[in-house]
N, C-alpha and C. Protein backbone atom coordinates (compact mmCIF):
# COMPACT_ATOMS: atom_id res chain seq x y z
N MET A 1 0.85 -1.20 0.00
CA MET A 1 0.00 0.00 0.00
C MET A 1 0.88 1.25 0.00
N SER A 2 0.78 2.07 -1.04
CA SER A 2 1.56 3.29 -1.12
C SER A 2 0.78 4.46 -0.52
N LEU A 3 1.47 5.21 0.33
CA LEU A 3 0.86 6.38 0.94
C LEU A 3 1.44 7.67 0.38
N ALA A 4 2.20 7.59 -0.71
CA ALA A 4 2.90 8.75 -1.24
C ALA A 4 1.97 9.90 -1.59
N LEU A 5 0.74 9.61 -1.98
CA LEU A 5 -0.20 10.68 -2.32
C LEU A 5 -0.51 11.57 -1.11
N LEU A 6 -0.28 11.05 0.09
CA LEU A 6 -0.52 11.85 1.29
C LEU A 6 0.40 13.05 1.38
N ASP A 7 1.55 12.98 0.72
CA ASP A 7 2.50 14.09 0.78
C ASP A 7 1.90 15.38 0.25
N ASN A 8 1.00 15.28 -0.71
CA ASN A 8 0.33 16.46 -1.28
C ASN A 8 -1.12 16.10 -1.58
N ILE A 9 -1.79 15.59 -0.57
CA ILE A 9 -3.11 14.98 -0.75
C ILE A 9 -4.16 15.95 -1.28
N PHE A 10 -4.14 17.19 -0.84
CA PHE A 10 -5.19 18.12 -1.28
C PHE A 10 -5.04 18.46 -2.76
N TRP A 11 -3.80 18.57 -3.24
CA TRP A 11 -3.59 18.80 -4.66
C TRP A 11 -4.11 17.63 -5.48
N HIS A 12 -3.73 16.43 -5.09
CA HIS A 12 -4.16 15.24 -5.83
C HIS A 12 -5.67 15.08 -5.79
N SER A 13 -6.27 15.52 -4.72
CA SER A 13 -7.73 15.45 -4.61
C SER A 13 -8.39 16.48 -5.52
N LEU A 14 -7.88 17.71 -5.51
CA LEU A 14 -8.51 18.80 -6.24
C LEU A 14 -8.30 18.74 -7.75
N VAL A 15 -7.28 18.03 -8.20
CA VAL A 15 -7.10 17.85 -9.65
C VAL A 15 -7.57 16.46 -10.08
N GLY A 16 -8.05 15.68 -9.11
CA GLY A 16 -8.50 14.32 -9.38
C GLY A 16 -9.96 14.12 -9.02
N PRO A 17 -10.25 13.26 -8.03
CA PRO A 17 -11.63 12.89 -7.72
C PRO A 17 -12.53 14.06 -7.33
N GLN A 18 -11.95 15.14 -6.78
CA GLN A 18 -12.78 16.27 -6.34
C GLN A 18 -12.59 17.51 -7.20
N ALA A 19 -12.19 17.32 -8.43
CA ALA A 19 -11.99 18.46 -9.34
C ALA A 19 -13.27 19.28 -9.49
N LYS A 20 -14.42 18.65 -9.39
CA LYS A 20 -15.68 19.38 -9.54
C LYS A 20 -15.94 20.35 -8.39
N PHE A 21 -15.20 20.17 -7.29
CA PHE A 21 -15.35 21.07 -6.14
C PHE A 21 -14.24 22.12 -6.10
N ALA A 22 -13.40 22.17 -7.14
CA ALA A 22 -12.21 23.02 -7.13
C ALA A 22 -12.40 24.28 -7.94
N ALA A 23 -11.60 25.28 -7.61
CA ALA A 23 -11.45 26.49 -8.41
C ALA A 23 -9.96 26.71 -8.62
N GLY A 24 -9.58 27.23 -9.79
CA GLY A 24 -8.17 27.46 -10.08
C GLY A 24 -7.77 26.78 -11.37
N GLU A 25 -6.53 26.98 -11.75
CA GLU A 25 -5.99 26.37 -12.96
C GLU A 25 -4.48 26.31 -12.85
N GLY A 26 -3.85 25.65 -13.80
CA GLY A 26 -2.39 25.57 -13.78
C GLY A 26 -1.88 24.87 -12.54
N VAL A 27 -1.02 25.53 -11.80
CA VAL A 27 -0.35 24.90 -10.67
C VAL A 27 -1.01 25.21 -9.32
N ALA A 28 -2.18 25.84 -9.33
CA ALA A 28 -2.84 26.22 -8.08
C ALA A 28 -4.32 25.84 -8.11
N ARG A 29 -4.80 25.32 -6.98
CA ARG A 29 -6.21 25.00 -6.82
C ARG A 29 -6.66 25.36 -5.40
N ARG A 30 -7.93 25.54 -5.25
CA ARG A 30 -8.55 25.73 -3.94
C ARG A 30 -9.90 25.05 -3.98
N TYR A 31 -10.40 24.68 -2.78
CA TYR A 31 -11.79 24.26 -2.74
C TYR A 31 -12.64 25.49 -3.04
N ALA A 32 -13.67 25.32 -3.82
CA ALA A 32 -14.52 26.43 -4.20
C ALA A 32 -15.14 27.09 -2.97
N ARG A 33 -15.54 28.33 -3.12
CA ARG A 33 -16.13 29.07 -2.01
C ARG A 33 -17.31 28.29 -1.41
N GLY A 34 -17.35 28.27 -0.11
CA GLY A 34 -18.40 27.54 0.60
C GLY A 34 -17.92 26.22 1.15
N PHE A 35 -16.85 25.65 0.55
CA PHE A 35 -16.26 24.42 1.07
C PHE A 35 -15.16 24.77 2.08
N SER A 36 -14.42 23.77 2.50
CA SER A 36 -13.31 24.02 3.42
C SER A 36 -12.30 24.96 2.77
N PRO A 37 -11.85 26.01 3.45
CA PRO A 37 -10.93 26.99 2.85
C PRO A 37 -9.50 26.46 2.81
N ILE A 38 -9.24 25.57 1.86
CA ILE A 38 -7.93 24.93 1.71
C ILE A 38 -7.42 25.21 0.31
N ALA A 39 -6.14 25.60 0.23
CA ALA A 39 -5.49 25.82 -1.06
C ALA A 39 -4.39 24.77 -1.23
N ALA A 40 -4.14 24.38 -2.46
CA ALA A 40 -3.12 23.37 -2.75
C ALA A 40 -2.40 23.71 -4.04
N PHE A 41 -1.17 23.21 -4.15
CA PHE A 41 -0.32 23.57 -5.28
C PHE A 41 0.39 22.33 -5.81
N ALA A 42 0.72 22.36 -7.10
CA ALA A 42 1.40 21.23 -7.72
C ALA A 42 2.71 20.94 -7.00
N ASP A 43 3.43 21.99 -6.60
CA ASP A 43 4.64 21.85 -5.80
C ASP A 43 4.33 22.44 -4.43
N ALA A 44 4.01 21.58 -3.47
CA ALA A 44 3.59 22.06 -2.15
C ALA A 44 4.69 22.84 -1.45
N GLY A 45 5.94 22.50 -1.72
CA GLY A 45 7.05 23.18 -1.05
C GLY A 45 7.34 24.55 -1.62
N GLN A 46 6.92 24.80 -2.87
CA GLN A 46 7.14 26.10 -3.51
C GLN A 46 5.84 26.54 -4.19
N PRO A 47 4.87 26.91 -3.40
CA PRO A 47 3.55 27.25 -3.96
C PRO A 47 3.58 28.55 -4.76
N ASP A 48 2.78 28.57 -5.81
CA ASP A 48 2.66 29.76 -6.65
C ASP A 48 1.37 30.48 -6.27
N PHE A 49 1.47 31.38 -5.30
CA PHE A 49 0.28 32.08 -4.83
C PHE A 49 -0.25 33.06 -5.86
N ALA A 50 0.61 33.54 -6.75
CA ALA A 50 0.15 34.45 -7.79
C ALA A 50 -0.87 33.76 -8.69
N ALA A 51 -0.70 32.46 -8.91
CA ALA A 51 -1.64 31.71 -9.74
C ALA A 51 -2.99 31.53 -9.05
N LEU A 52 -2.98 31.61 -7.71
CA LEU A 52 -4.22 31.46 -6.95
C LEU A 52 -5.00 32.76 -6.86
N LEU A 53 -4.32 33.88 -7.02
CA LEU A 53 -4.90 35.19 -6.75
C LEU A 53 -6.23 35.44 -7.46
N PRO A 54 -6.40 35.09 -8.74
CA PRO A 54 -7.68 35.38 -9.39
C PRO A 54 -8.86 34.61 -8.83
N TYR A 55 -8.60 33.63 -7.98
CA TYR A 55 -9.67 32.76 -7.50
C TYR A 55 -9.96 32.94 -6.01
N CYS A 56 -9.53 34.05 -5.45
CA CYS A 56 -9.79 34.28 -4.02
C CYS A 56 -10.15 35.73 -3.78
N ASP A 57 -10.87 35.97 -2.69
CA ASP A 57 -11.28 37.31 -2.30
C ASP A 57 -10.29 37.89 -1.29
N ALA A 58 -10.32 39.20 -1.16
CA ALA A 58 -9.35 39.89 -0.30
C ALA A 58 -9.47 39.49 1.17
N ASP A 59 -10.66 39.09 1.60
CA ASP A 59 -10.86 38.79 3.01
C ASP A 59 -10.79 37.29 3.33
N GLU A 60 -10.37 36.47 2.37
CA GLU A 60 -10.35 35.03 2.59
C GLU A 60 -9.05 34.58 3.26
N HIS A 61 -9.17 33.51 4.06
CA HIS A 61 -8.04 32.86 4.69
C HIS A 61 -7.99 31.42 4.19
N PHE A 62 -6.78 30.92 3.94
CA PHE A 62 -6.62 29.56 3.43
C PHE A 62 -5.65 28.75 4.29
N TYR A 63 -5.96 27.47 4.41
CA TYR A 63 -5.04 26.53 5.02
C TYR A 63 -4.16 25.95 3.91
N CYS A 64 -2.86 25.86 4.18
CA CYS A 64 -1.91 25.28 3.23
C CYS A 64 -1.09 24.22 3.94
N ASP A 65 -0.85 23.12 3.25
CA ASP A 65 -0.16 21.97 3.82
C ASP A 65 1.19 21.76 3.14
N GLY A 66 2.26 21.63 3.93
CA GLY A 66 3.55 21.23 3.40
C GLY A 66 4.46 22.34 2.91
N TRP A 67 4.16 23.59 3.25
CA TRP A 67 4.95 24.73 2.79
C TRP A 67 5.55 25.45 3.98
N SER A 68 6.87 25.70 3.94
CA SER A 68 7.53 26.35 5.07
C SER A 68 8.42 27.51 4.64
N GLY A 69 8.31 27.97 3.41
CA GLY A 69 9.12 29.08 2.93
C GLY A 69 8.57 30.42 3.37
N PRO A 70 9.21 31.51 2.94
CA PRO A 70 8.76 32.86 3.31
C PRO A 70 7.45 33.21 2.62
N ALA A 71 6.74 34.17 3.19
CA ALA A 71 5.49 34.64 2.59
C ALA A 71 5.78 35.30 1.25
N GLN A 72 4.89 35.09 0.30
CA GLN A 72 5.06 35.70 -1.01
C GLN A 72 4.39 37.08 -1.04
N ALA A 73 4.78 37.86 -1.99
CA ALA A 73 4.28 39.24 -2.09
C ALA A 73 2.76 39.26 -2.13
N GLY A 74 2.19 40.10 -1.28
CA GLY A 74 0.75 40.26 -1.24
C GLY A 74 0.04 39.30 -0.31
N TRP A 75 0.81 38.45 0.39
CA TRP A 75 0.22 37.45 1.28
C TRP A 75 0.83 37.53 2.68
N THR A 76 0.03 37.16 3.67
CA THR A 76 0.47 37.18 5.06
C THR A 76 0.28 35.79 5.67
N ILE A 77 1.28 35.33 6.41
CA ILE A 77 1.14 34.09 7.16
C ILE A 77 0.50 34.42 8.50
N GLU A 78 -0.73 34.01 8.69
CA GLU A 78 -1.47 34.33 9.91
C GLU A 78 -1.11 33.40 11.07
N ARG A 79 -0.84 32.14 10.74
CA ARG A 79 -0.55 31.17 11.78
C ARG A 79 0.23 30.01 11.18
N GLU A 80 1.11 29.43 11.97
CA GLU A 80 1.85 28.25 11.53
C GLU A 80 1.86 27.21 12.64
N SER A 81 1.67 25.96 12.27
CA SER A 81 1.72 24.87 13.23
C SER A 81 2.17 23.61 12.50
N THR A 82 2.10 22.50 13.19
CA THR A 82 2.50 21.22 12.61
C THR A 82 1.42 20.19 12.88
N MET A 83 1.16 19.36 11.90
CA MET A 83 0.18 18.30 12.08
C MET A 83 0.77 16.96 11.67
N PHE A 84 0.19 15.89 12.18
CA PHE A 84 0.55 14.55 11.77
C PHE A 84 -0.43 14.07 10.72
N LYS A 85 0.10 13.36 9.73
CA LYS A 85 -0.73 12.60 8.81
C LYS A 85 -0.70 11.15 9.31
N MET A 86 -1.88 10.56 9.49
CA MET A 86 -1.98 9.21 10.02
C MET A 86 -2.84 8.36 9.08
N ALA A 87 -2.44 7.12 8.87
CA ALA A 87 -3.17 6.23 7.97
C ALA A 87 -3.59 4.96 8.72
N TRP A 88 -4.70 4.42 8.30
CA TRP A 88 -5.29 3.25 8.96
C TRP A 88 -4.46 1.99 8.74
N GLN A 89 -4.16 1.30 9.84
CA GLN A 89 -3.48 0.02 9.77
C GLN A 89 -4.14 -1.01 10.68
N GLY A 90 -5.31 -0.70 11.18
CA GLY A 90 -6.00 -1.60 12.09
C GLY A 90 -6.83 -2.63 11.36
N ALA A 91 -7.52 -3.43 12.16
CA ALA A 91 -8.43 -4.43 11.60
C ALA A 91 -9.75 -3.77 11.24
N THR A 92 -10.42 -4.28 10.25
CA THR A 92 -11.72 -3.74 9.85
C THR A 92 -12.72 -3.94 10.98
N PRO A 93 -13.41 -2.88 11.41
CA PRO A 93 -14.44 -3.06 12.44
C PRO A 93 -15.43 -4.14 12.03
N ALA A 94 -15.75 -5.04 12.96
CA ALA A 94 -16.56 -6.21 12.63
C ALA A 94 -18.00 -5.86 12.27
N SER A 95 -18.48 -4.74 12.80
CA SER A 95 -19.87 -4.35 12.55
C SER A 95 -19.99 -2.84 12.59
N ASP A 96 -21.11 -2.34 12.14
CA ASP A 96 -21.40 -0.91 12.19
C ASP A 96 -21.67 -0.52 13.65
N GLU A 97 -20.79 0.28 14.21
CA GLU A 97 -20.92 0.65 15.62
C GLU A 97 -21.82 1.86 15.83
N ALA A 98 -22.31 2.45 14.75
CA ALA A 98 -23.19 3.61 14.88
C ALA A 98 -24.38 3.46 13.94
N PRO A 99 -25.14 2.38 14.06
CA PRO A 99 -26.28 2.19 13.15
C PRO A 99 -27.37 3.22 13.32
N ASP A 100 -27.39 3.87 14.48
CA ASP A 100 -28.41 4.87 14.76
C ASP A 100 -27.99 6.28 14.39
N ALA A 101 -26.78 6.45 13.84
CA ALA A 101 -26.33 7.78 13.44
C ALA A 101 -27.14 8.26 12.24
N ILE A 102 -27.31 9.57 12.15
CA ILE A 102 -28.10 10.19 11.09
C ILE A 102 -27.17 10.67 9.98
N ALA A 103 -27.50 10.31 8.74
CA ALA A 103 -26.75 10.82 7.60
C ALA A 103 -27.04 12.32 7.45
N LEU A 104 -26.00 13.13 7.39
CA LEU A 104 -26.17 14.57 7.31
C LEU A 104 -26.31 15.03 5.87
N GLY A 105 -27.24 15.94 5.64
CA GLY A 105 -27.47 16.50 4.32
C GLY A 105 -27.48 18.01 4.37
N ALA A 106 -27.90 18.62 3.28
CA ALA A 106 -27.89 20.09 3.19
C ALA A 106 -28.70 20.74 4.29
N GLU A 107 -29.76 20.06 4.74
CA GLU A 107 -30.61 20.62 5.79
C GLU A 107 -29.90 20.69 7.14
N HIS A 108 -28.76 20.00 7.27
CA HIS A 108 -28.00 20.00 8.52
C HIS A 108 -26.75 20.87 8.44
N ALA A 109 -26.51 21.50 7.31
CA ALA A 109 -25.24 22.19 7.07
C ALA A 109 -24.99 23.31 8.09
N GLU A 110 -25.99 24.11 8.40
CA GLU A 110 -25.78 25.21 9.34
C GLU A 110 -25.42 24.69 10.72
N GLN A 111 -26.07 23.63 11.16
CA GLN A 111 -25.74 23.06 12.47
C GLN A 111 -24.33 22.47 12.46
N ALA A 112 -23.93 21.88 11.33
CA ALA A 112 -22.59 21.33 11.22
C ALA A 112 -21.54 22.43 11.34
N VAL A 113 -21.77 23.55 10.68
CA VAL A 113 -20.85 24.68 10.76
C VAL A 113 -20.78 25.22 12.19
N GLU A 114 -21.92 25.31 12.84
CA GLU A 114 -21.95 25.81 14.23
C GLU A 114 -21.17 24.89 15.16
N LEU A 115 -21.33 23.58 14.99
CA LEU A 115 -20.60 22.64 15.84
C LEU A 115 -19.11 22.71 15.55
N ALA A 116 -18.73 22.85 14.29
CA ALA A 116 -17.32 22.96 13.93
C ALA A 116 -16.72 24.25 14.47
N ALA A 117 -17.48 25.35 14.44
CA ALA A 117 -16.98 26.62 14.97
C ALA A 117 -16.75 26.53 16.47
N LEU A 118 -17.57 25.75 17.15
CA LEU A 118 -17.45 25.60 18.60
C LEU A 118 -16.27 24.70 18.97
N THR A 119 -16.08 23.62 18.23
CA THR A 119 -15.10 22.60 18.61
C THR A 119 -13.80 22.65 17.82
N ARG A 120 -13.79 23.34 16.69
CA ARG A 120 -12.60 23.61 15.89
C ARG A 120 -11.86 22.33 15.46
N PRO A 121 -12.52 21.46 14.69
CA PRO A 121 -11.85 20.25 14.21
C PRO A 121 -10.96 20.51 13.00
N GLY A 122 -10.96 21.73 12.47
CA GLY A 122 -10.20 22.06 11.27
C GLY A 122 -11.05 22.90 10.35
N PRO A 123 -10.50 23.30 9.20
CA PRO A 123 -11.25 24.17 8.28
C PRO A 123 -12.56 23.51 7.84
N PHE A 124 -13.63 24.29 7.92
CA PHE A 124 -14.96 23.74 7.67
C PHE A 124 -15.83 24.84 7.09
N GLY A 125 -16.59 24.51 6.05
CA GLY A 125 -17.48 25.47 5.42
C GLY A 125 -18.89 24.94 5.32
N LEU A 126 -19.79 25.78 4.85
CA LEU A 126 -21.20 25.42 4.79
C LEU A 126 -21.43 24.24 3.84
N ARG A 127 -20.57 24.05 2.85
CA ARG A 127 -20.76 22.98 1.88
C ARG A 127 -19.81 21.79 2.11
N THR A 128 -19.03 21.84 3.18
CA THR A 128 -18.05 20.78 3.43
C THR A 128 -18.69 19.40 3.47
N ILE A 129 -19.89 19.30 4.00
CA ILE A 129 -20.52 17.98 4.11
C ILE A 129 -20.89 17.38 2.75
N GLU A 130 -20.74 18.16 1.67
CA GLU A 130 -20.95 17.62 0.33
C GLU A 130 -19.74 16.84 -0.19
N LEU A 131 -18.60 16.92 0.52
CA LEU A 131 -17.38 16.28 0.05
C LEU A 131 -17.35 14.78 0.28
N GLY A 132 -18.30 14.27 1.04
CA GLY A 132 -18.33 12.84 1.31
C GLY A 132 -19.50 12.49 2.21
N ASP A 133 -19.43 11.33 2.81
CA ASP A 133 -20.48 10.91 3.75
C ASP A 133 -20.22 11.53 5.11
N TYR A 134 -21.24 12.15 5.67
CA TYR A 134 -21.17 12.69 7.02
C TYR A 134 -22.30 12.09 7.84
N PHE A 135 -21.97 11.75 9.09
CA PHE A 135 -22.96 11.20 10.00
C PHE A 135 -22.90 11.95 11.32
N GLY A 136 -24.02 12.01 12.00
CA GLY A 136 -24.04 12.72 13.28
C GLY A 136 -25.06 12.17 14.25
N TYR A 137 -24.94 12.66 15.46
CA TYR A 137 -25.91 12.36 16.52
C TYR A 137 -26.58 13.66 16.94
N PHE A 138 -27.87 13.56 17.19
CA PHE A 138 -28.67 14.71 17.61
C PHE A 138 -29.27 14.45 18.99
N GLU A 139 -29.41 15.50 19.74
CA GLU A 139 -30.14 15.46 21.01
C GLU A 139 -31.10 16.64 21.04
N HIS A 140 -32.37 16.35 21.19
CA HIS A 140 -33.42 17.38 21.22
C HIS A 140 -33.32 18.29 20.00
N GLY A 141 -33.03 17.69 18.85
CA GLY A 141 -32.97 18.43 17.61
C GLY A 141 -31.67 19.16 17.34
N ARG A 142 -30.73 19.06 18.26
CA ARG A 142 -29.44 19.76 18.12
C ARG A 142 -28.35 18.76 17.76
N LEU A 143 -27.54 19.08 16.72
CA LEU A 143 -26.41 18.25 16.34
C LEU A 143 -25.34 18.35 17.42
N VAL A 144 -24.97 17.21 18.01
CA VAL A 144 -24.01 17.22 19.12
C VAL A 144 -22.72 16.47 18.79
N ALA A 145 -22.69 15.70 17.71
CA ALA A 145 -21.46 15.00 17.33
C ALA A 145 -21.53 14.69 15.84
N MET A 146 -20.38 14.70 15.20
CA MET A 146 -20.36 14.37 13.77
C MET A 146 -18.97 13.90 13.36
N ALA A 147 -18.92 13.25 12.22
CA ALA A 147 -17.67 12.86 11.58
C ALA A 147 -18.00 12.60 10.12
N GLY A 148 -17.01 12.83 9.26
CA GLY A 148 -17.29 12.63 7.84
C GLY A 148 -16.03 12.48 7.02
N GLU A 149 -16.16 12.71 5.72
CA GLU A 149 -15.08 12.50 4.77
C GLU A 149 -14.78 13.81 4.04
N ARG A 150 -13.48 14.05 3.81
CA ARG A 150 -13.10 15.28 3.11
C ARG A 150 -12.33 14.92 1.83
N SER A 151 -11.02 14.98 1.82
CA SER A 151 -10.28 14.77 0.58
C SER A 151 -10.16 13.29 0.23
N GLN A 152 -9.76 13.02 -1.03
CA GLN A 152 -9.55 11.65 -1.48
C GLN A 152 -8.66 11.66 -2.71
N ALA A 153 -7.85 10.62 -2.83
CA ALA A 153 -7.00 10.43 -4.01
C ALA A 153 -6.53 8.99 -4.01
N GLY A 154 -6.48 8.39 -5.18
CA GLY A 154 -6.12 6.99 -5.25
C GLY A 154 -7.07 6.16 -4.41
N THR A 155 -6.53 5.34 -3.55
CA THR A 155 -7.37 4.55 -2.64
C THR A 155 -7.48 5.21 -1.27
N LEU A 156 -6.95 6.40 -1.12
CA LEU A 156 -6.96 7.10 0.17
C LEU A 156 -8.25 7.91 0.34
N ARG A 157 -8.84 7.81 1.52
CA ARG A 157 -10.06 8.57 1.82
C ARG A 157 -9.94 9.15 3.21
N GLU A 158 -10.07 10.46 3.31
CA GLU A 158 -9.86 11.16 4.58
C GLU A 158 -11.08 11.11 5.48
N ILE A 159 -10.82 10.90 6.76
CA ILE A 159 -11.83 11.09 7.80
C ILE A 159 -11.57 12.45 8.43
N SER A 160 -12.60 13.27 8.52
CA SER A 160 -12.41 14.66 8.93
C SER A 160 -13.66 15.16 9.64
N GLY A 161 -13.56 16.37 10.19
CA GLY A 161 -14.72 16.98 10.84
C GLY A 161 -15.19 16.21 12.05
N VAL A 162 -14.29 15.51 12.72
CA VAL A 162 -14.66 14.72 13.90
C VAL A 162 -14.78 15.66 15.09
N CYS A 163 -15.97 15.79 15.62
CA CYS A 163 -16.14 16.70 16.76
C CYS A 163 -17.36 16.33 17.59
N THR A 164 -17.28 16.68 18.87
CA THR A 164 -18.34 16.39 19.83
C THR A 164 -18.58 17.63 20.67
N HIS A 165 -19.83 17.97 20.86
CA HIS A 165 -20.17 19.12 21.70
C HIS A 165 -19.69 18.87 23.13
N PRO A 166 -19.12 19.88 23.80
CA PRO A 166 -18.64 19.68 25.17
C PRO A 166 -19.69 19.11 26.12
N ASP A 167 -20.96 19.38 25.87
CA ASP A 167 -22.02 18.92 26.77
C ASP A 167 -22.19 17.41 26.78
N VAL A 168 -21.69 16.73 25.72
CA VAL A 168 -21.95 15.29 25.60
C VAL A 168 -20.67 14.48 25.45
N GLN A 169 -19.53 15.08 25.75
CA GLN A 169 -18.29 14.33 25.64
C GLN A 169 -18.26 13.18 26.64
N GLY A 170 -17.55 12.12 26.28
CA GLY A 170 -17.43 10.97 27.14
C GLY A 170 -18.44 9.87 26.85
N ARG A 171 -19.28 10.05 25.87
CA ARG A 171 -20.30 9.05 25.53
C ARG A 171 -19.88 8.15 24.37
N GLY A 172 -18.70 8.37 23.82
CA GLY A 172 -18.20 7.51 22.76
C GLY A 172 -18.71 7.82 21.38
N TYR A 173 -19.34 8.98 21.21
CA TYR A 173 -19.90 9.32 19.91
C TYR A 173 -18.83 9.37 18.82
N ALA A 174 -17.70 10.06 19.09
CA ALA A 174 -16.67 10.22 18.07
C ALA A 174 -16.11 8.86 17.64
N ARG A 175 -15.83 8.00 18.59
CA ARG A 175 -15.26 6.70 18.26
C ARG A 175 -16.23 5.88 17.42
N ARG A 176 -17.50 5.90 17.79
CA ARG A 176 -18.50 5.12 17.05
C ARG A 176 -18.69 5.65 15.64
N LEU A 177 -18.72 6.96 15.49
CA LEU A 177 -18.88 7.55 14.16
C LEU A 177 -17.66 7.25 13.28
N MET A 178 -16.48 7.34 13.87
CA MET A 178 -15.27 7.04 13.11
C MET A 178 -15.23 5.57 12.70
N ALA A 179 -15.59 4.69 13.63
CA ALA A 179 -15.60 3.26 13.31
C ALA A 179 -16.57 2.96 12.17
N LYS A 180 -17.69 3.65 12.17
CA LYS A 180 -18.67 3.48 11.08
C LYS A 180 -18.05 3.86 9.74
N LEU A 181 -17.38 5.03 9.70
CA LEU A 181 -16.76 5.49 8.47
C LEU A 181 -15.62 4.57 8.04
N ILE A 182 -14.80 4.16 8.99
CA ILE A 182 -13.68 3.28 8.69
C ILE A 182 -14.18 1.99 8.05
N ARG A 183 -15.19 1.39 8.64
CA ARG A 183 -15.73 0.14 8.10
C ARG A 183 -16.24 0.34 6.68
N ARG A 184 -16.99 1.41 6.45
CA ARG A 184 -17.54 1.68 5.12
C ARG A 184 -16.42 1.88 4.10
N GLN A 185 -15.38 2.61 4.49
CA GLN A 185 -14.29 2.87 3.56
C GLN A 185 -13.50 1.61 3.24
N VAL A 186 -13.15 0.85 4.27
CA VAL A 186 -12.36 -0.36 4.06
C VAL A 186 -13.12 -1.36 3.19
N LEU A 187 -14.41 -1.48 3.42
CA LEU A 187 -15.21 -2.42 2.62
C LEU A 187 -15.32 -1.97 1.16
N ARG A 188 -15.06 -0.69 0.90
CA ARG A 188 -15.04 -0.19 -0.47
C ARG A 188 -13.64 -0.24 -1.07
N GLY A 189 -12.69 -0.81 -0.34
CA GLY A 189 -11.32 -0.91 -0.83
C GLY A 189 -10.49 0.34 -0.60
N LYS A 190 -10.92 1.22 0.31
CA LYS A 190 -10.21 2.46 0.58
C LYS A 190 -9.34 2.33 1.83
N THR A 191 -8.34 3.19 1.92
CA THR A 191 -7.51 3.28 3.12
C THR A 191 -7.84 4.58 3.84
N PRO A 192 -8.45 4.53 5.01
CA PRO A 192 -8.76 5.75 5.76
C PRO A 192 -7.49 6.45 6.23
N PHE A 193 -7.52 7.76 6.25
CA PHE A 193 -6.42 8.53 6.82
C PHE A 193 -7.01 9.78 7.44
N LEU A 194 -6.18 10.48 8.21
CA LEU A 194 -6.65 11.71 8.85
C LEU A 194 -5.47 12.62 9.15
N HIS A 195 -5.81 13.85 9.51
CA HIS A 195 -4.83 14.83 9.97
C HIS A 195 -5.16 15.18 11.43
N VAL A 196 -4.12 15.37 12.22
CA VAL A 196 -4.32 15.78 13.60
C VAL A 196 -3.17 16.69 14.01
N MET A 197 -3.49 17.77 14.69
CA MET A 197 -2.46 18.70 15.11
C MET A 197 -1.51 18.03 16.10
N CYS A 198 -0.21 18.31 15.95
CA CYS A 198 0.79 17.65 16.78
C CYS A 198 0.63 17.97 18.26
N ASP A 199 0.13 19.16 18.57
CA ASP A 199 -0.02 19.52 19.98
C ASP A 199 -1.30 18.96 20.61
N ASN A 200 -2.13 18.31 19.82
CA ASN A 200 -3.37 17.70 20.34
C ASN A 200 -3.05 16.26 20.72
N THR A 201 -2.29 16.11 21.81
CA THR A 201 -1.78 14.79 22.18
C THR A 201 -2.90 13.81 22.50
N SER A 202 -3.96 14.28 23.11
CA SER A 202 -5.05 13.35 23.46
C SER A 202 -5.70 12.79 22.20
N ALA A 203 -5.82 13.62 21.14
CA ALA A 203 -6.45 13.16 19.91
C ALA A 203 -5.58 12.15 19.19
N HIS A 204 -4.27 12.44 19.02
CA HIS A 204 -3.50 11.45 18.25
C HIS A 204 -3.22 10.19 19.05
N THR A 205 -3.26 10.27 20.38
CA THR A 205 -3.20 9.03 21.17
C THR A 205 -4.46 8.21 20.95
N PHE A 206 -5.60 8.88 20.93
CA PHE A 206 -6.88 8.22 20.68
C PHE A 206 -6.90 7.56 19.29
N TYR A 207 -6.43 8.28 18.27
CA TYR A 207 -6.43 7.74 16.92
C TYR A 207 -5.47 6.55 16.80
N ALA A 208 -4.32 6.64 17.46
CA ALA A 208 -3.36 5.53 17.42
C ALA A 208 -3.97 4.28 18.06
N ARG A 209 -4.69 4.45 19.13
CA ARG A 209 -5.33 3.31 19.79
C ARG A 209 -6.42 2.70 18.92
N MET A 210 -7.06 3.52 18.10
CA MET A 210 -8.09 3.00 17.21
C MET A 210 -7.50 2.13 16.11
N GLY A 211 -6.26 2.45 15.68
CA GLY A 211 -5.64 1.68 14.61
C GLY A 211 -4.96 2.52 13.55
N PHE A 212 -4.87 3.84 13.77
CA PHE A 212 -4.16 4.70 12.83
C PHE A 212 -2.67 4.74 13.19
N ALA A 213 -1.81 4.75 12.18
CA ALA A 213 -0.37 4.80 12.38
C ALA A 213 0.18 6.10 11.79
N TYR A 214 1.25 6.60 12.39
CA TYR A 214 1.86 7.82 11.91
C TYR A 214 2.49 7.61 10.54
N TYR A 215 2.23 8.54 9.64
CA TYR A 215 2.90 8.53 8.33
C TYR A 215 4.03 9.55 8.32
N ARG A 216 3.69 10.81 8.62
CA ARG A 216 4.71 11.85 8.66
C ARG A 216 4.12 13.12 9.25
N PRO A 217 4.96 14.01 9.79
CA PRO A 217 4.48 15.33 10.19
C PRO A 217 4.49 16.27 8.99
N SER A 218 3.74 17.34 9.08
CA SER A 218 3.70 18.32 7.99
C SER A 218 3.39 19.70 8.56
N VAL A 219 4.03 20.70 7.99
CA VAL A 219 3.73 22.09 8.36
C VAL A 219 2.36 22.46 7.81
N VAL A 220 1.57 23.14 8.62
CA VAL A 220 0.29 23.66 8.15
C VAL A 220 0.24 25.15 8.49
N ARG A 221 -0.18 25.94 7.53
CA ARG A 221 -0.24 27.39 7.72
C ARG A 221 -1.62 27.92 7.33
N ILE A 222 -1.97 29.02 7.96
CA ILE A 222 -3.13 29.80 7.54
C ILE A 222 -2.60 31.08 6.94
N VAL A 223 -3.00 31.36 5.70
CA VAL A 223 -2.51 32.54 5.00
C VAL A 223 -3.67 33.39 4.52
N SER A 224 -3.41 34.67 4.32
CA SER A 224 -4.43 35.58 3.82
C SER A 224 -3.79 36.61 2.90
N ARG A 225 -4.60 37.21 2.05
CA ARG A 225 -4.12 38.31 1.23
C ARG A 225 -3.98 39.54 2.09
N ARG A 226 -2.97 40.32 1.82
CA ARG A 226 -2.80 41.58 2.56
C ARG A 226 -3.83 42.60 2.12
């Protein structure tokens, strides 16, 4: 199993299986407005931000993966951190551990954005749940936990947007939702993977115990136009 596509997964996704969700041309792509604000480049280490300029607004912020050089003219680095890329190496879950989870659709998008804004699982937009299968748990009509799929390339399929409202943590919602997605992906011949911030030790310990293995660390930045 080759994991090389993970080195520049968003680029391979945006020029491949998710091209219909992309904006840009040449050596630069971004998820279209309304999706997760992520930009990707053919050469992740030397991104051509000038090529991206016609496809972004002055007030937009983008996440970039794998780039550690100086800011280019007209752009500001708002934040820099490091994340781990992790890929599934565990056994296939024997059964669906979240049969009662609700499939999320457009009617749930606003609640999904609100939950993501509260729990901060990573870049998330109103249309992010269109990028794959998303499932959630509700209590009294309120979305309290969710997990879903974001980028994909080759046989790799990302698990993303994993979050639980603070009021209901400790009930195993995240683990059950992830196990559901993992089982579905593996049975389709896919290899699940995810991103987790290096300083979120509790999360990557949890993912490692589930069956995810470290692939490599990567610089992640948030950038904006000046």
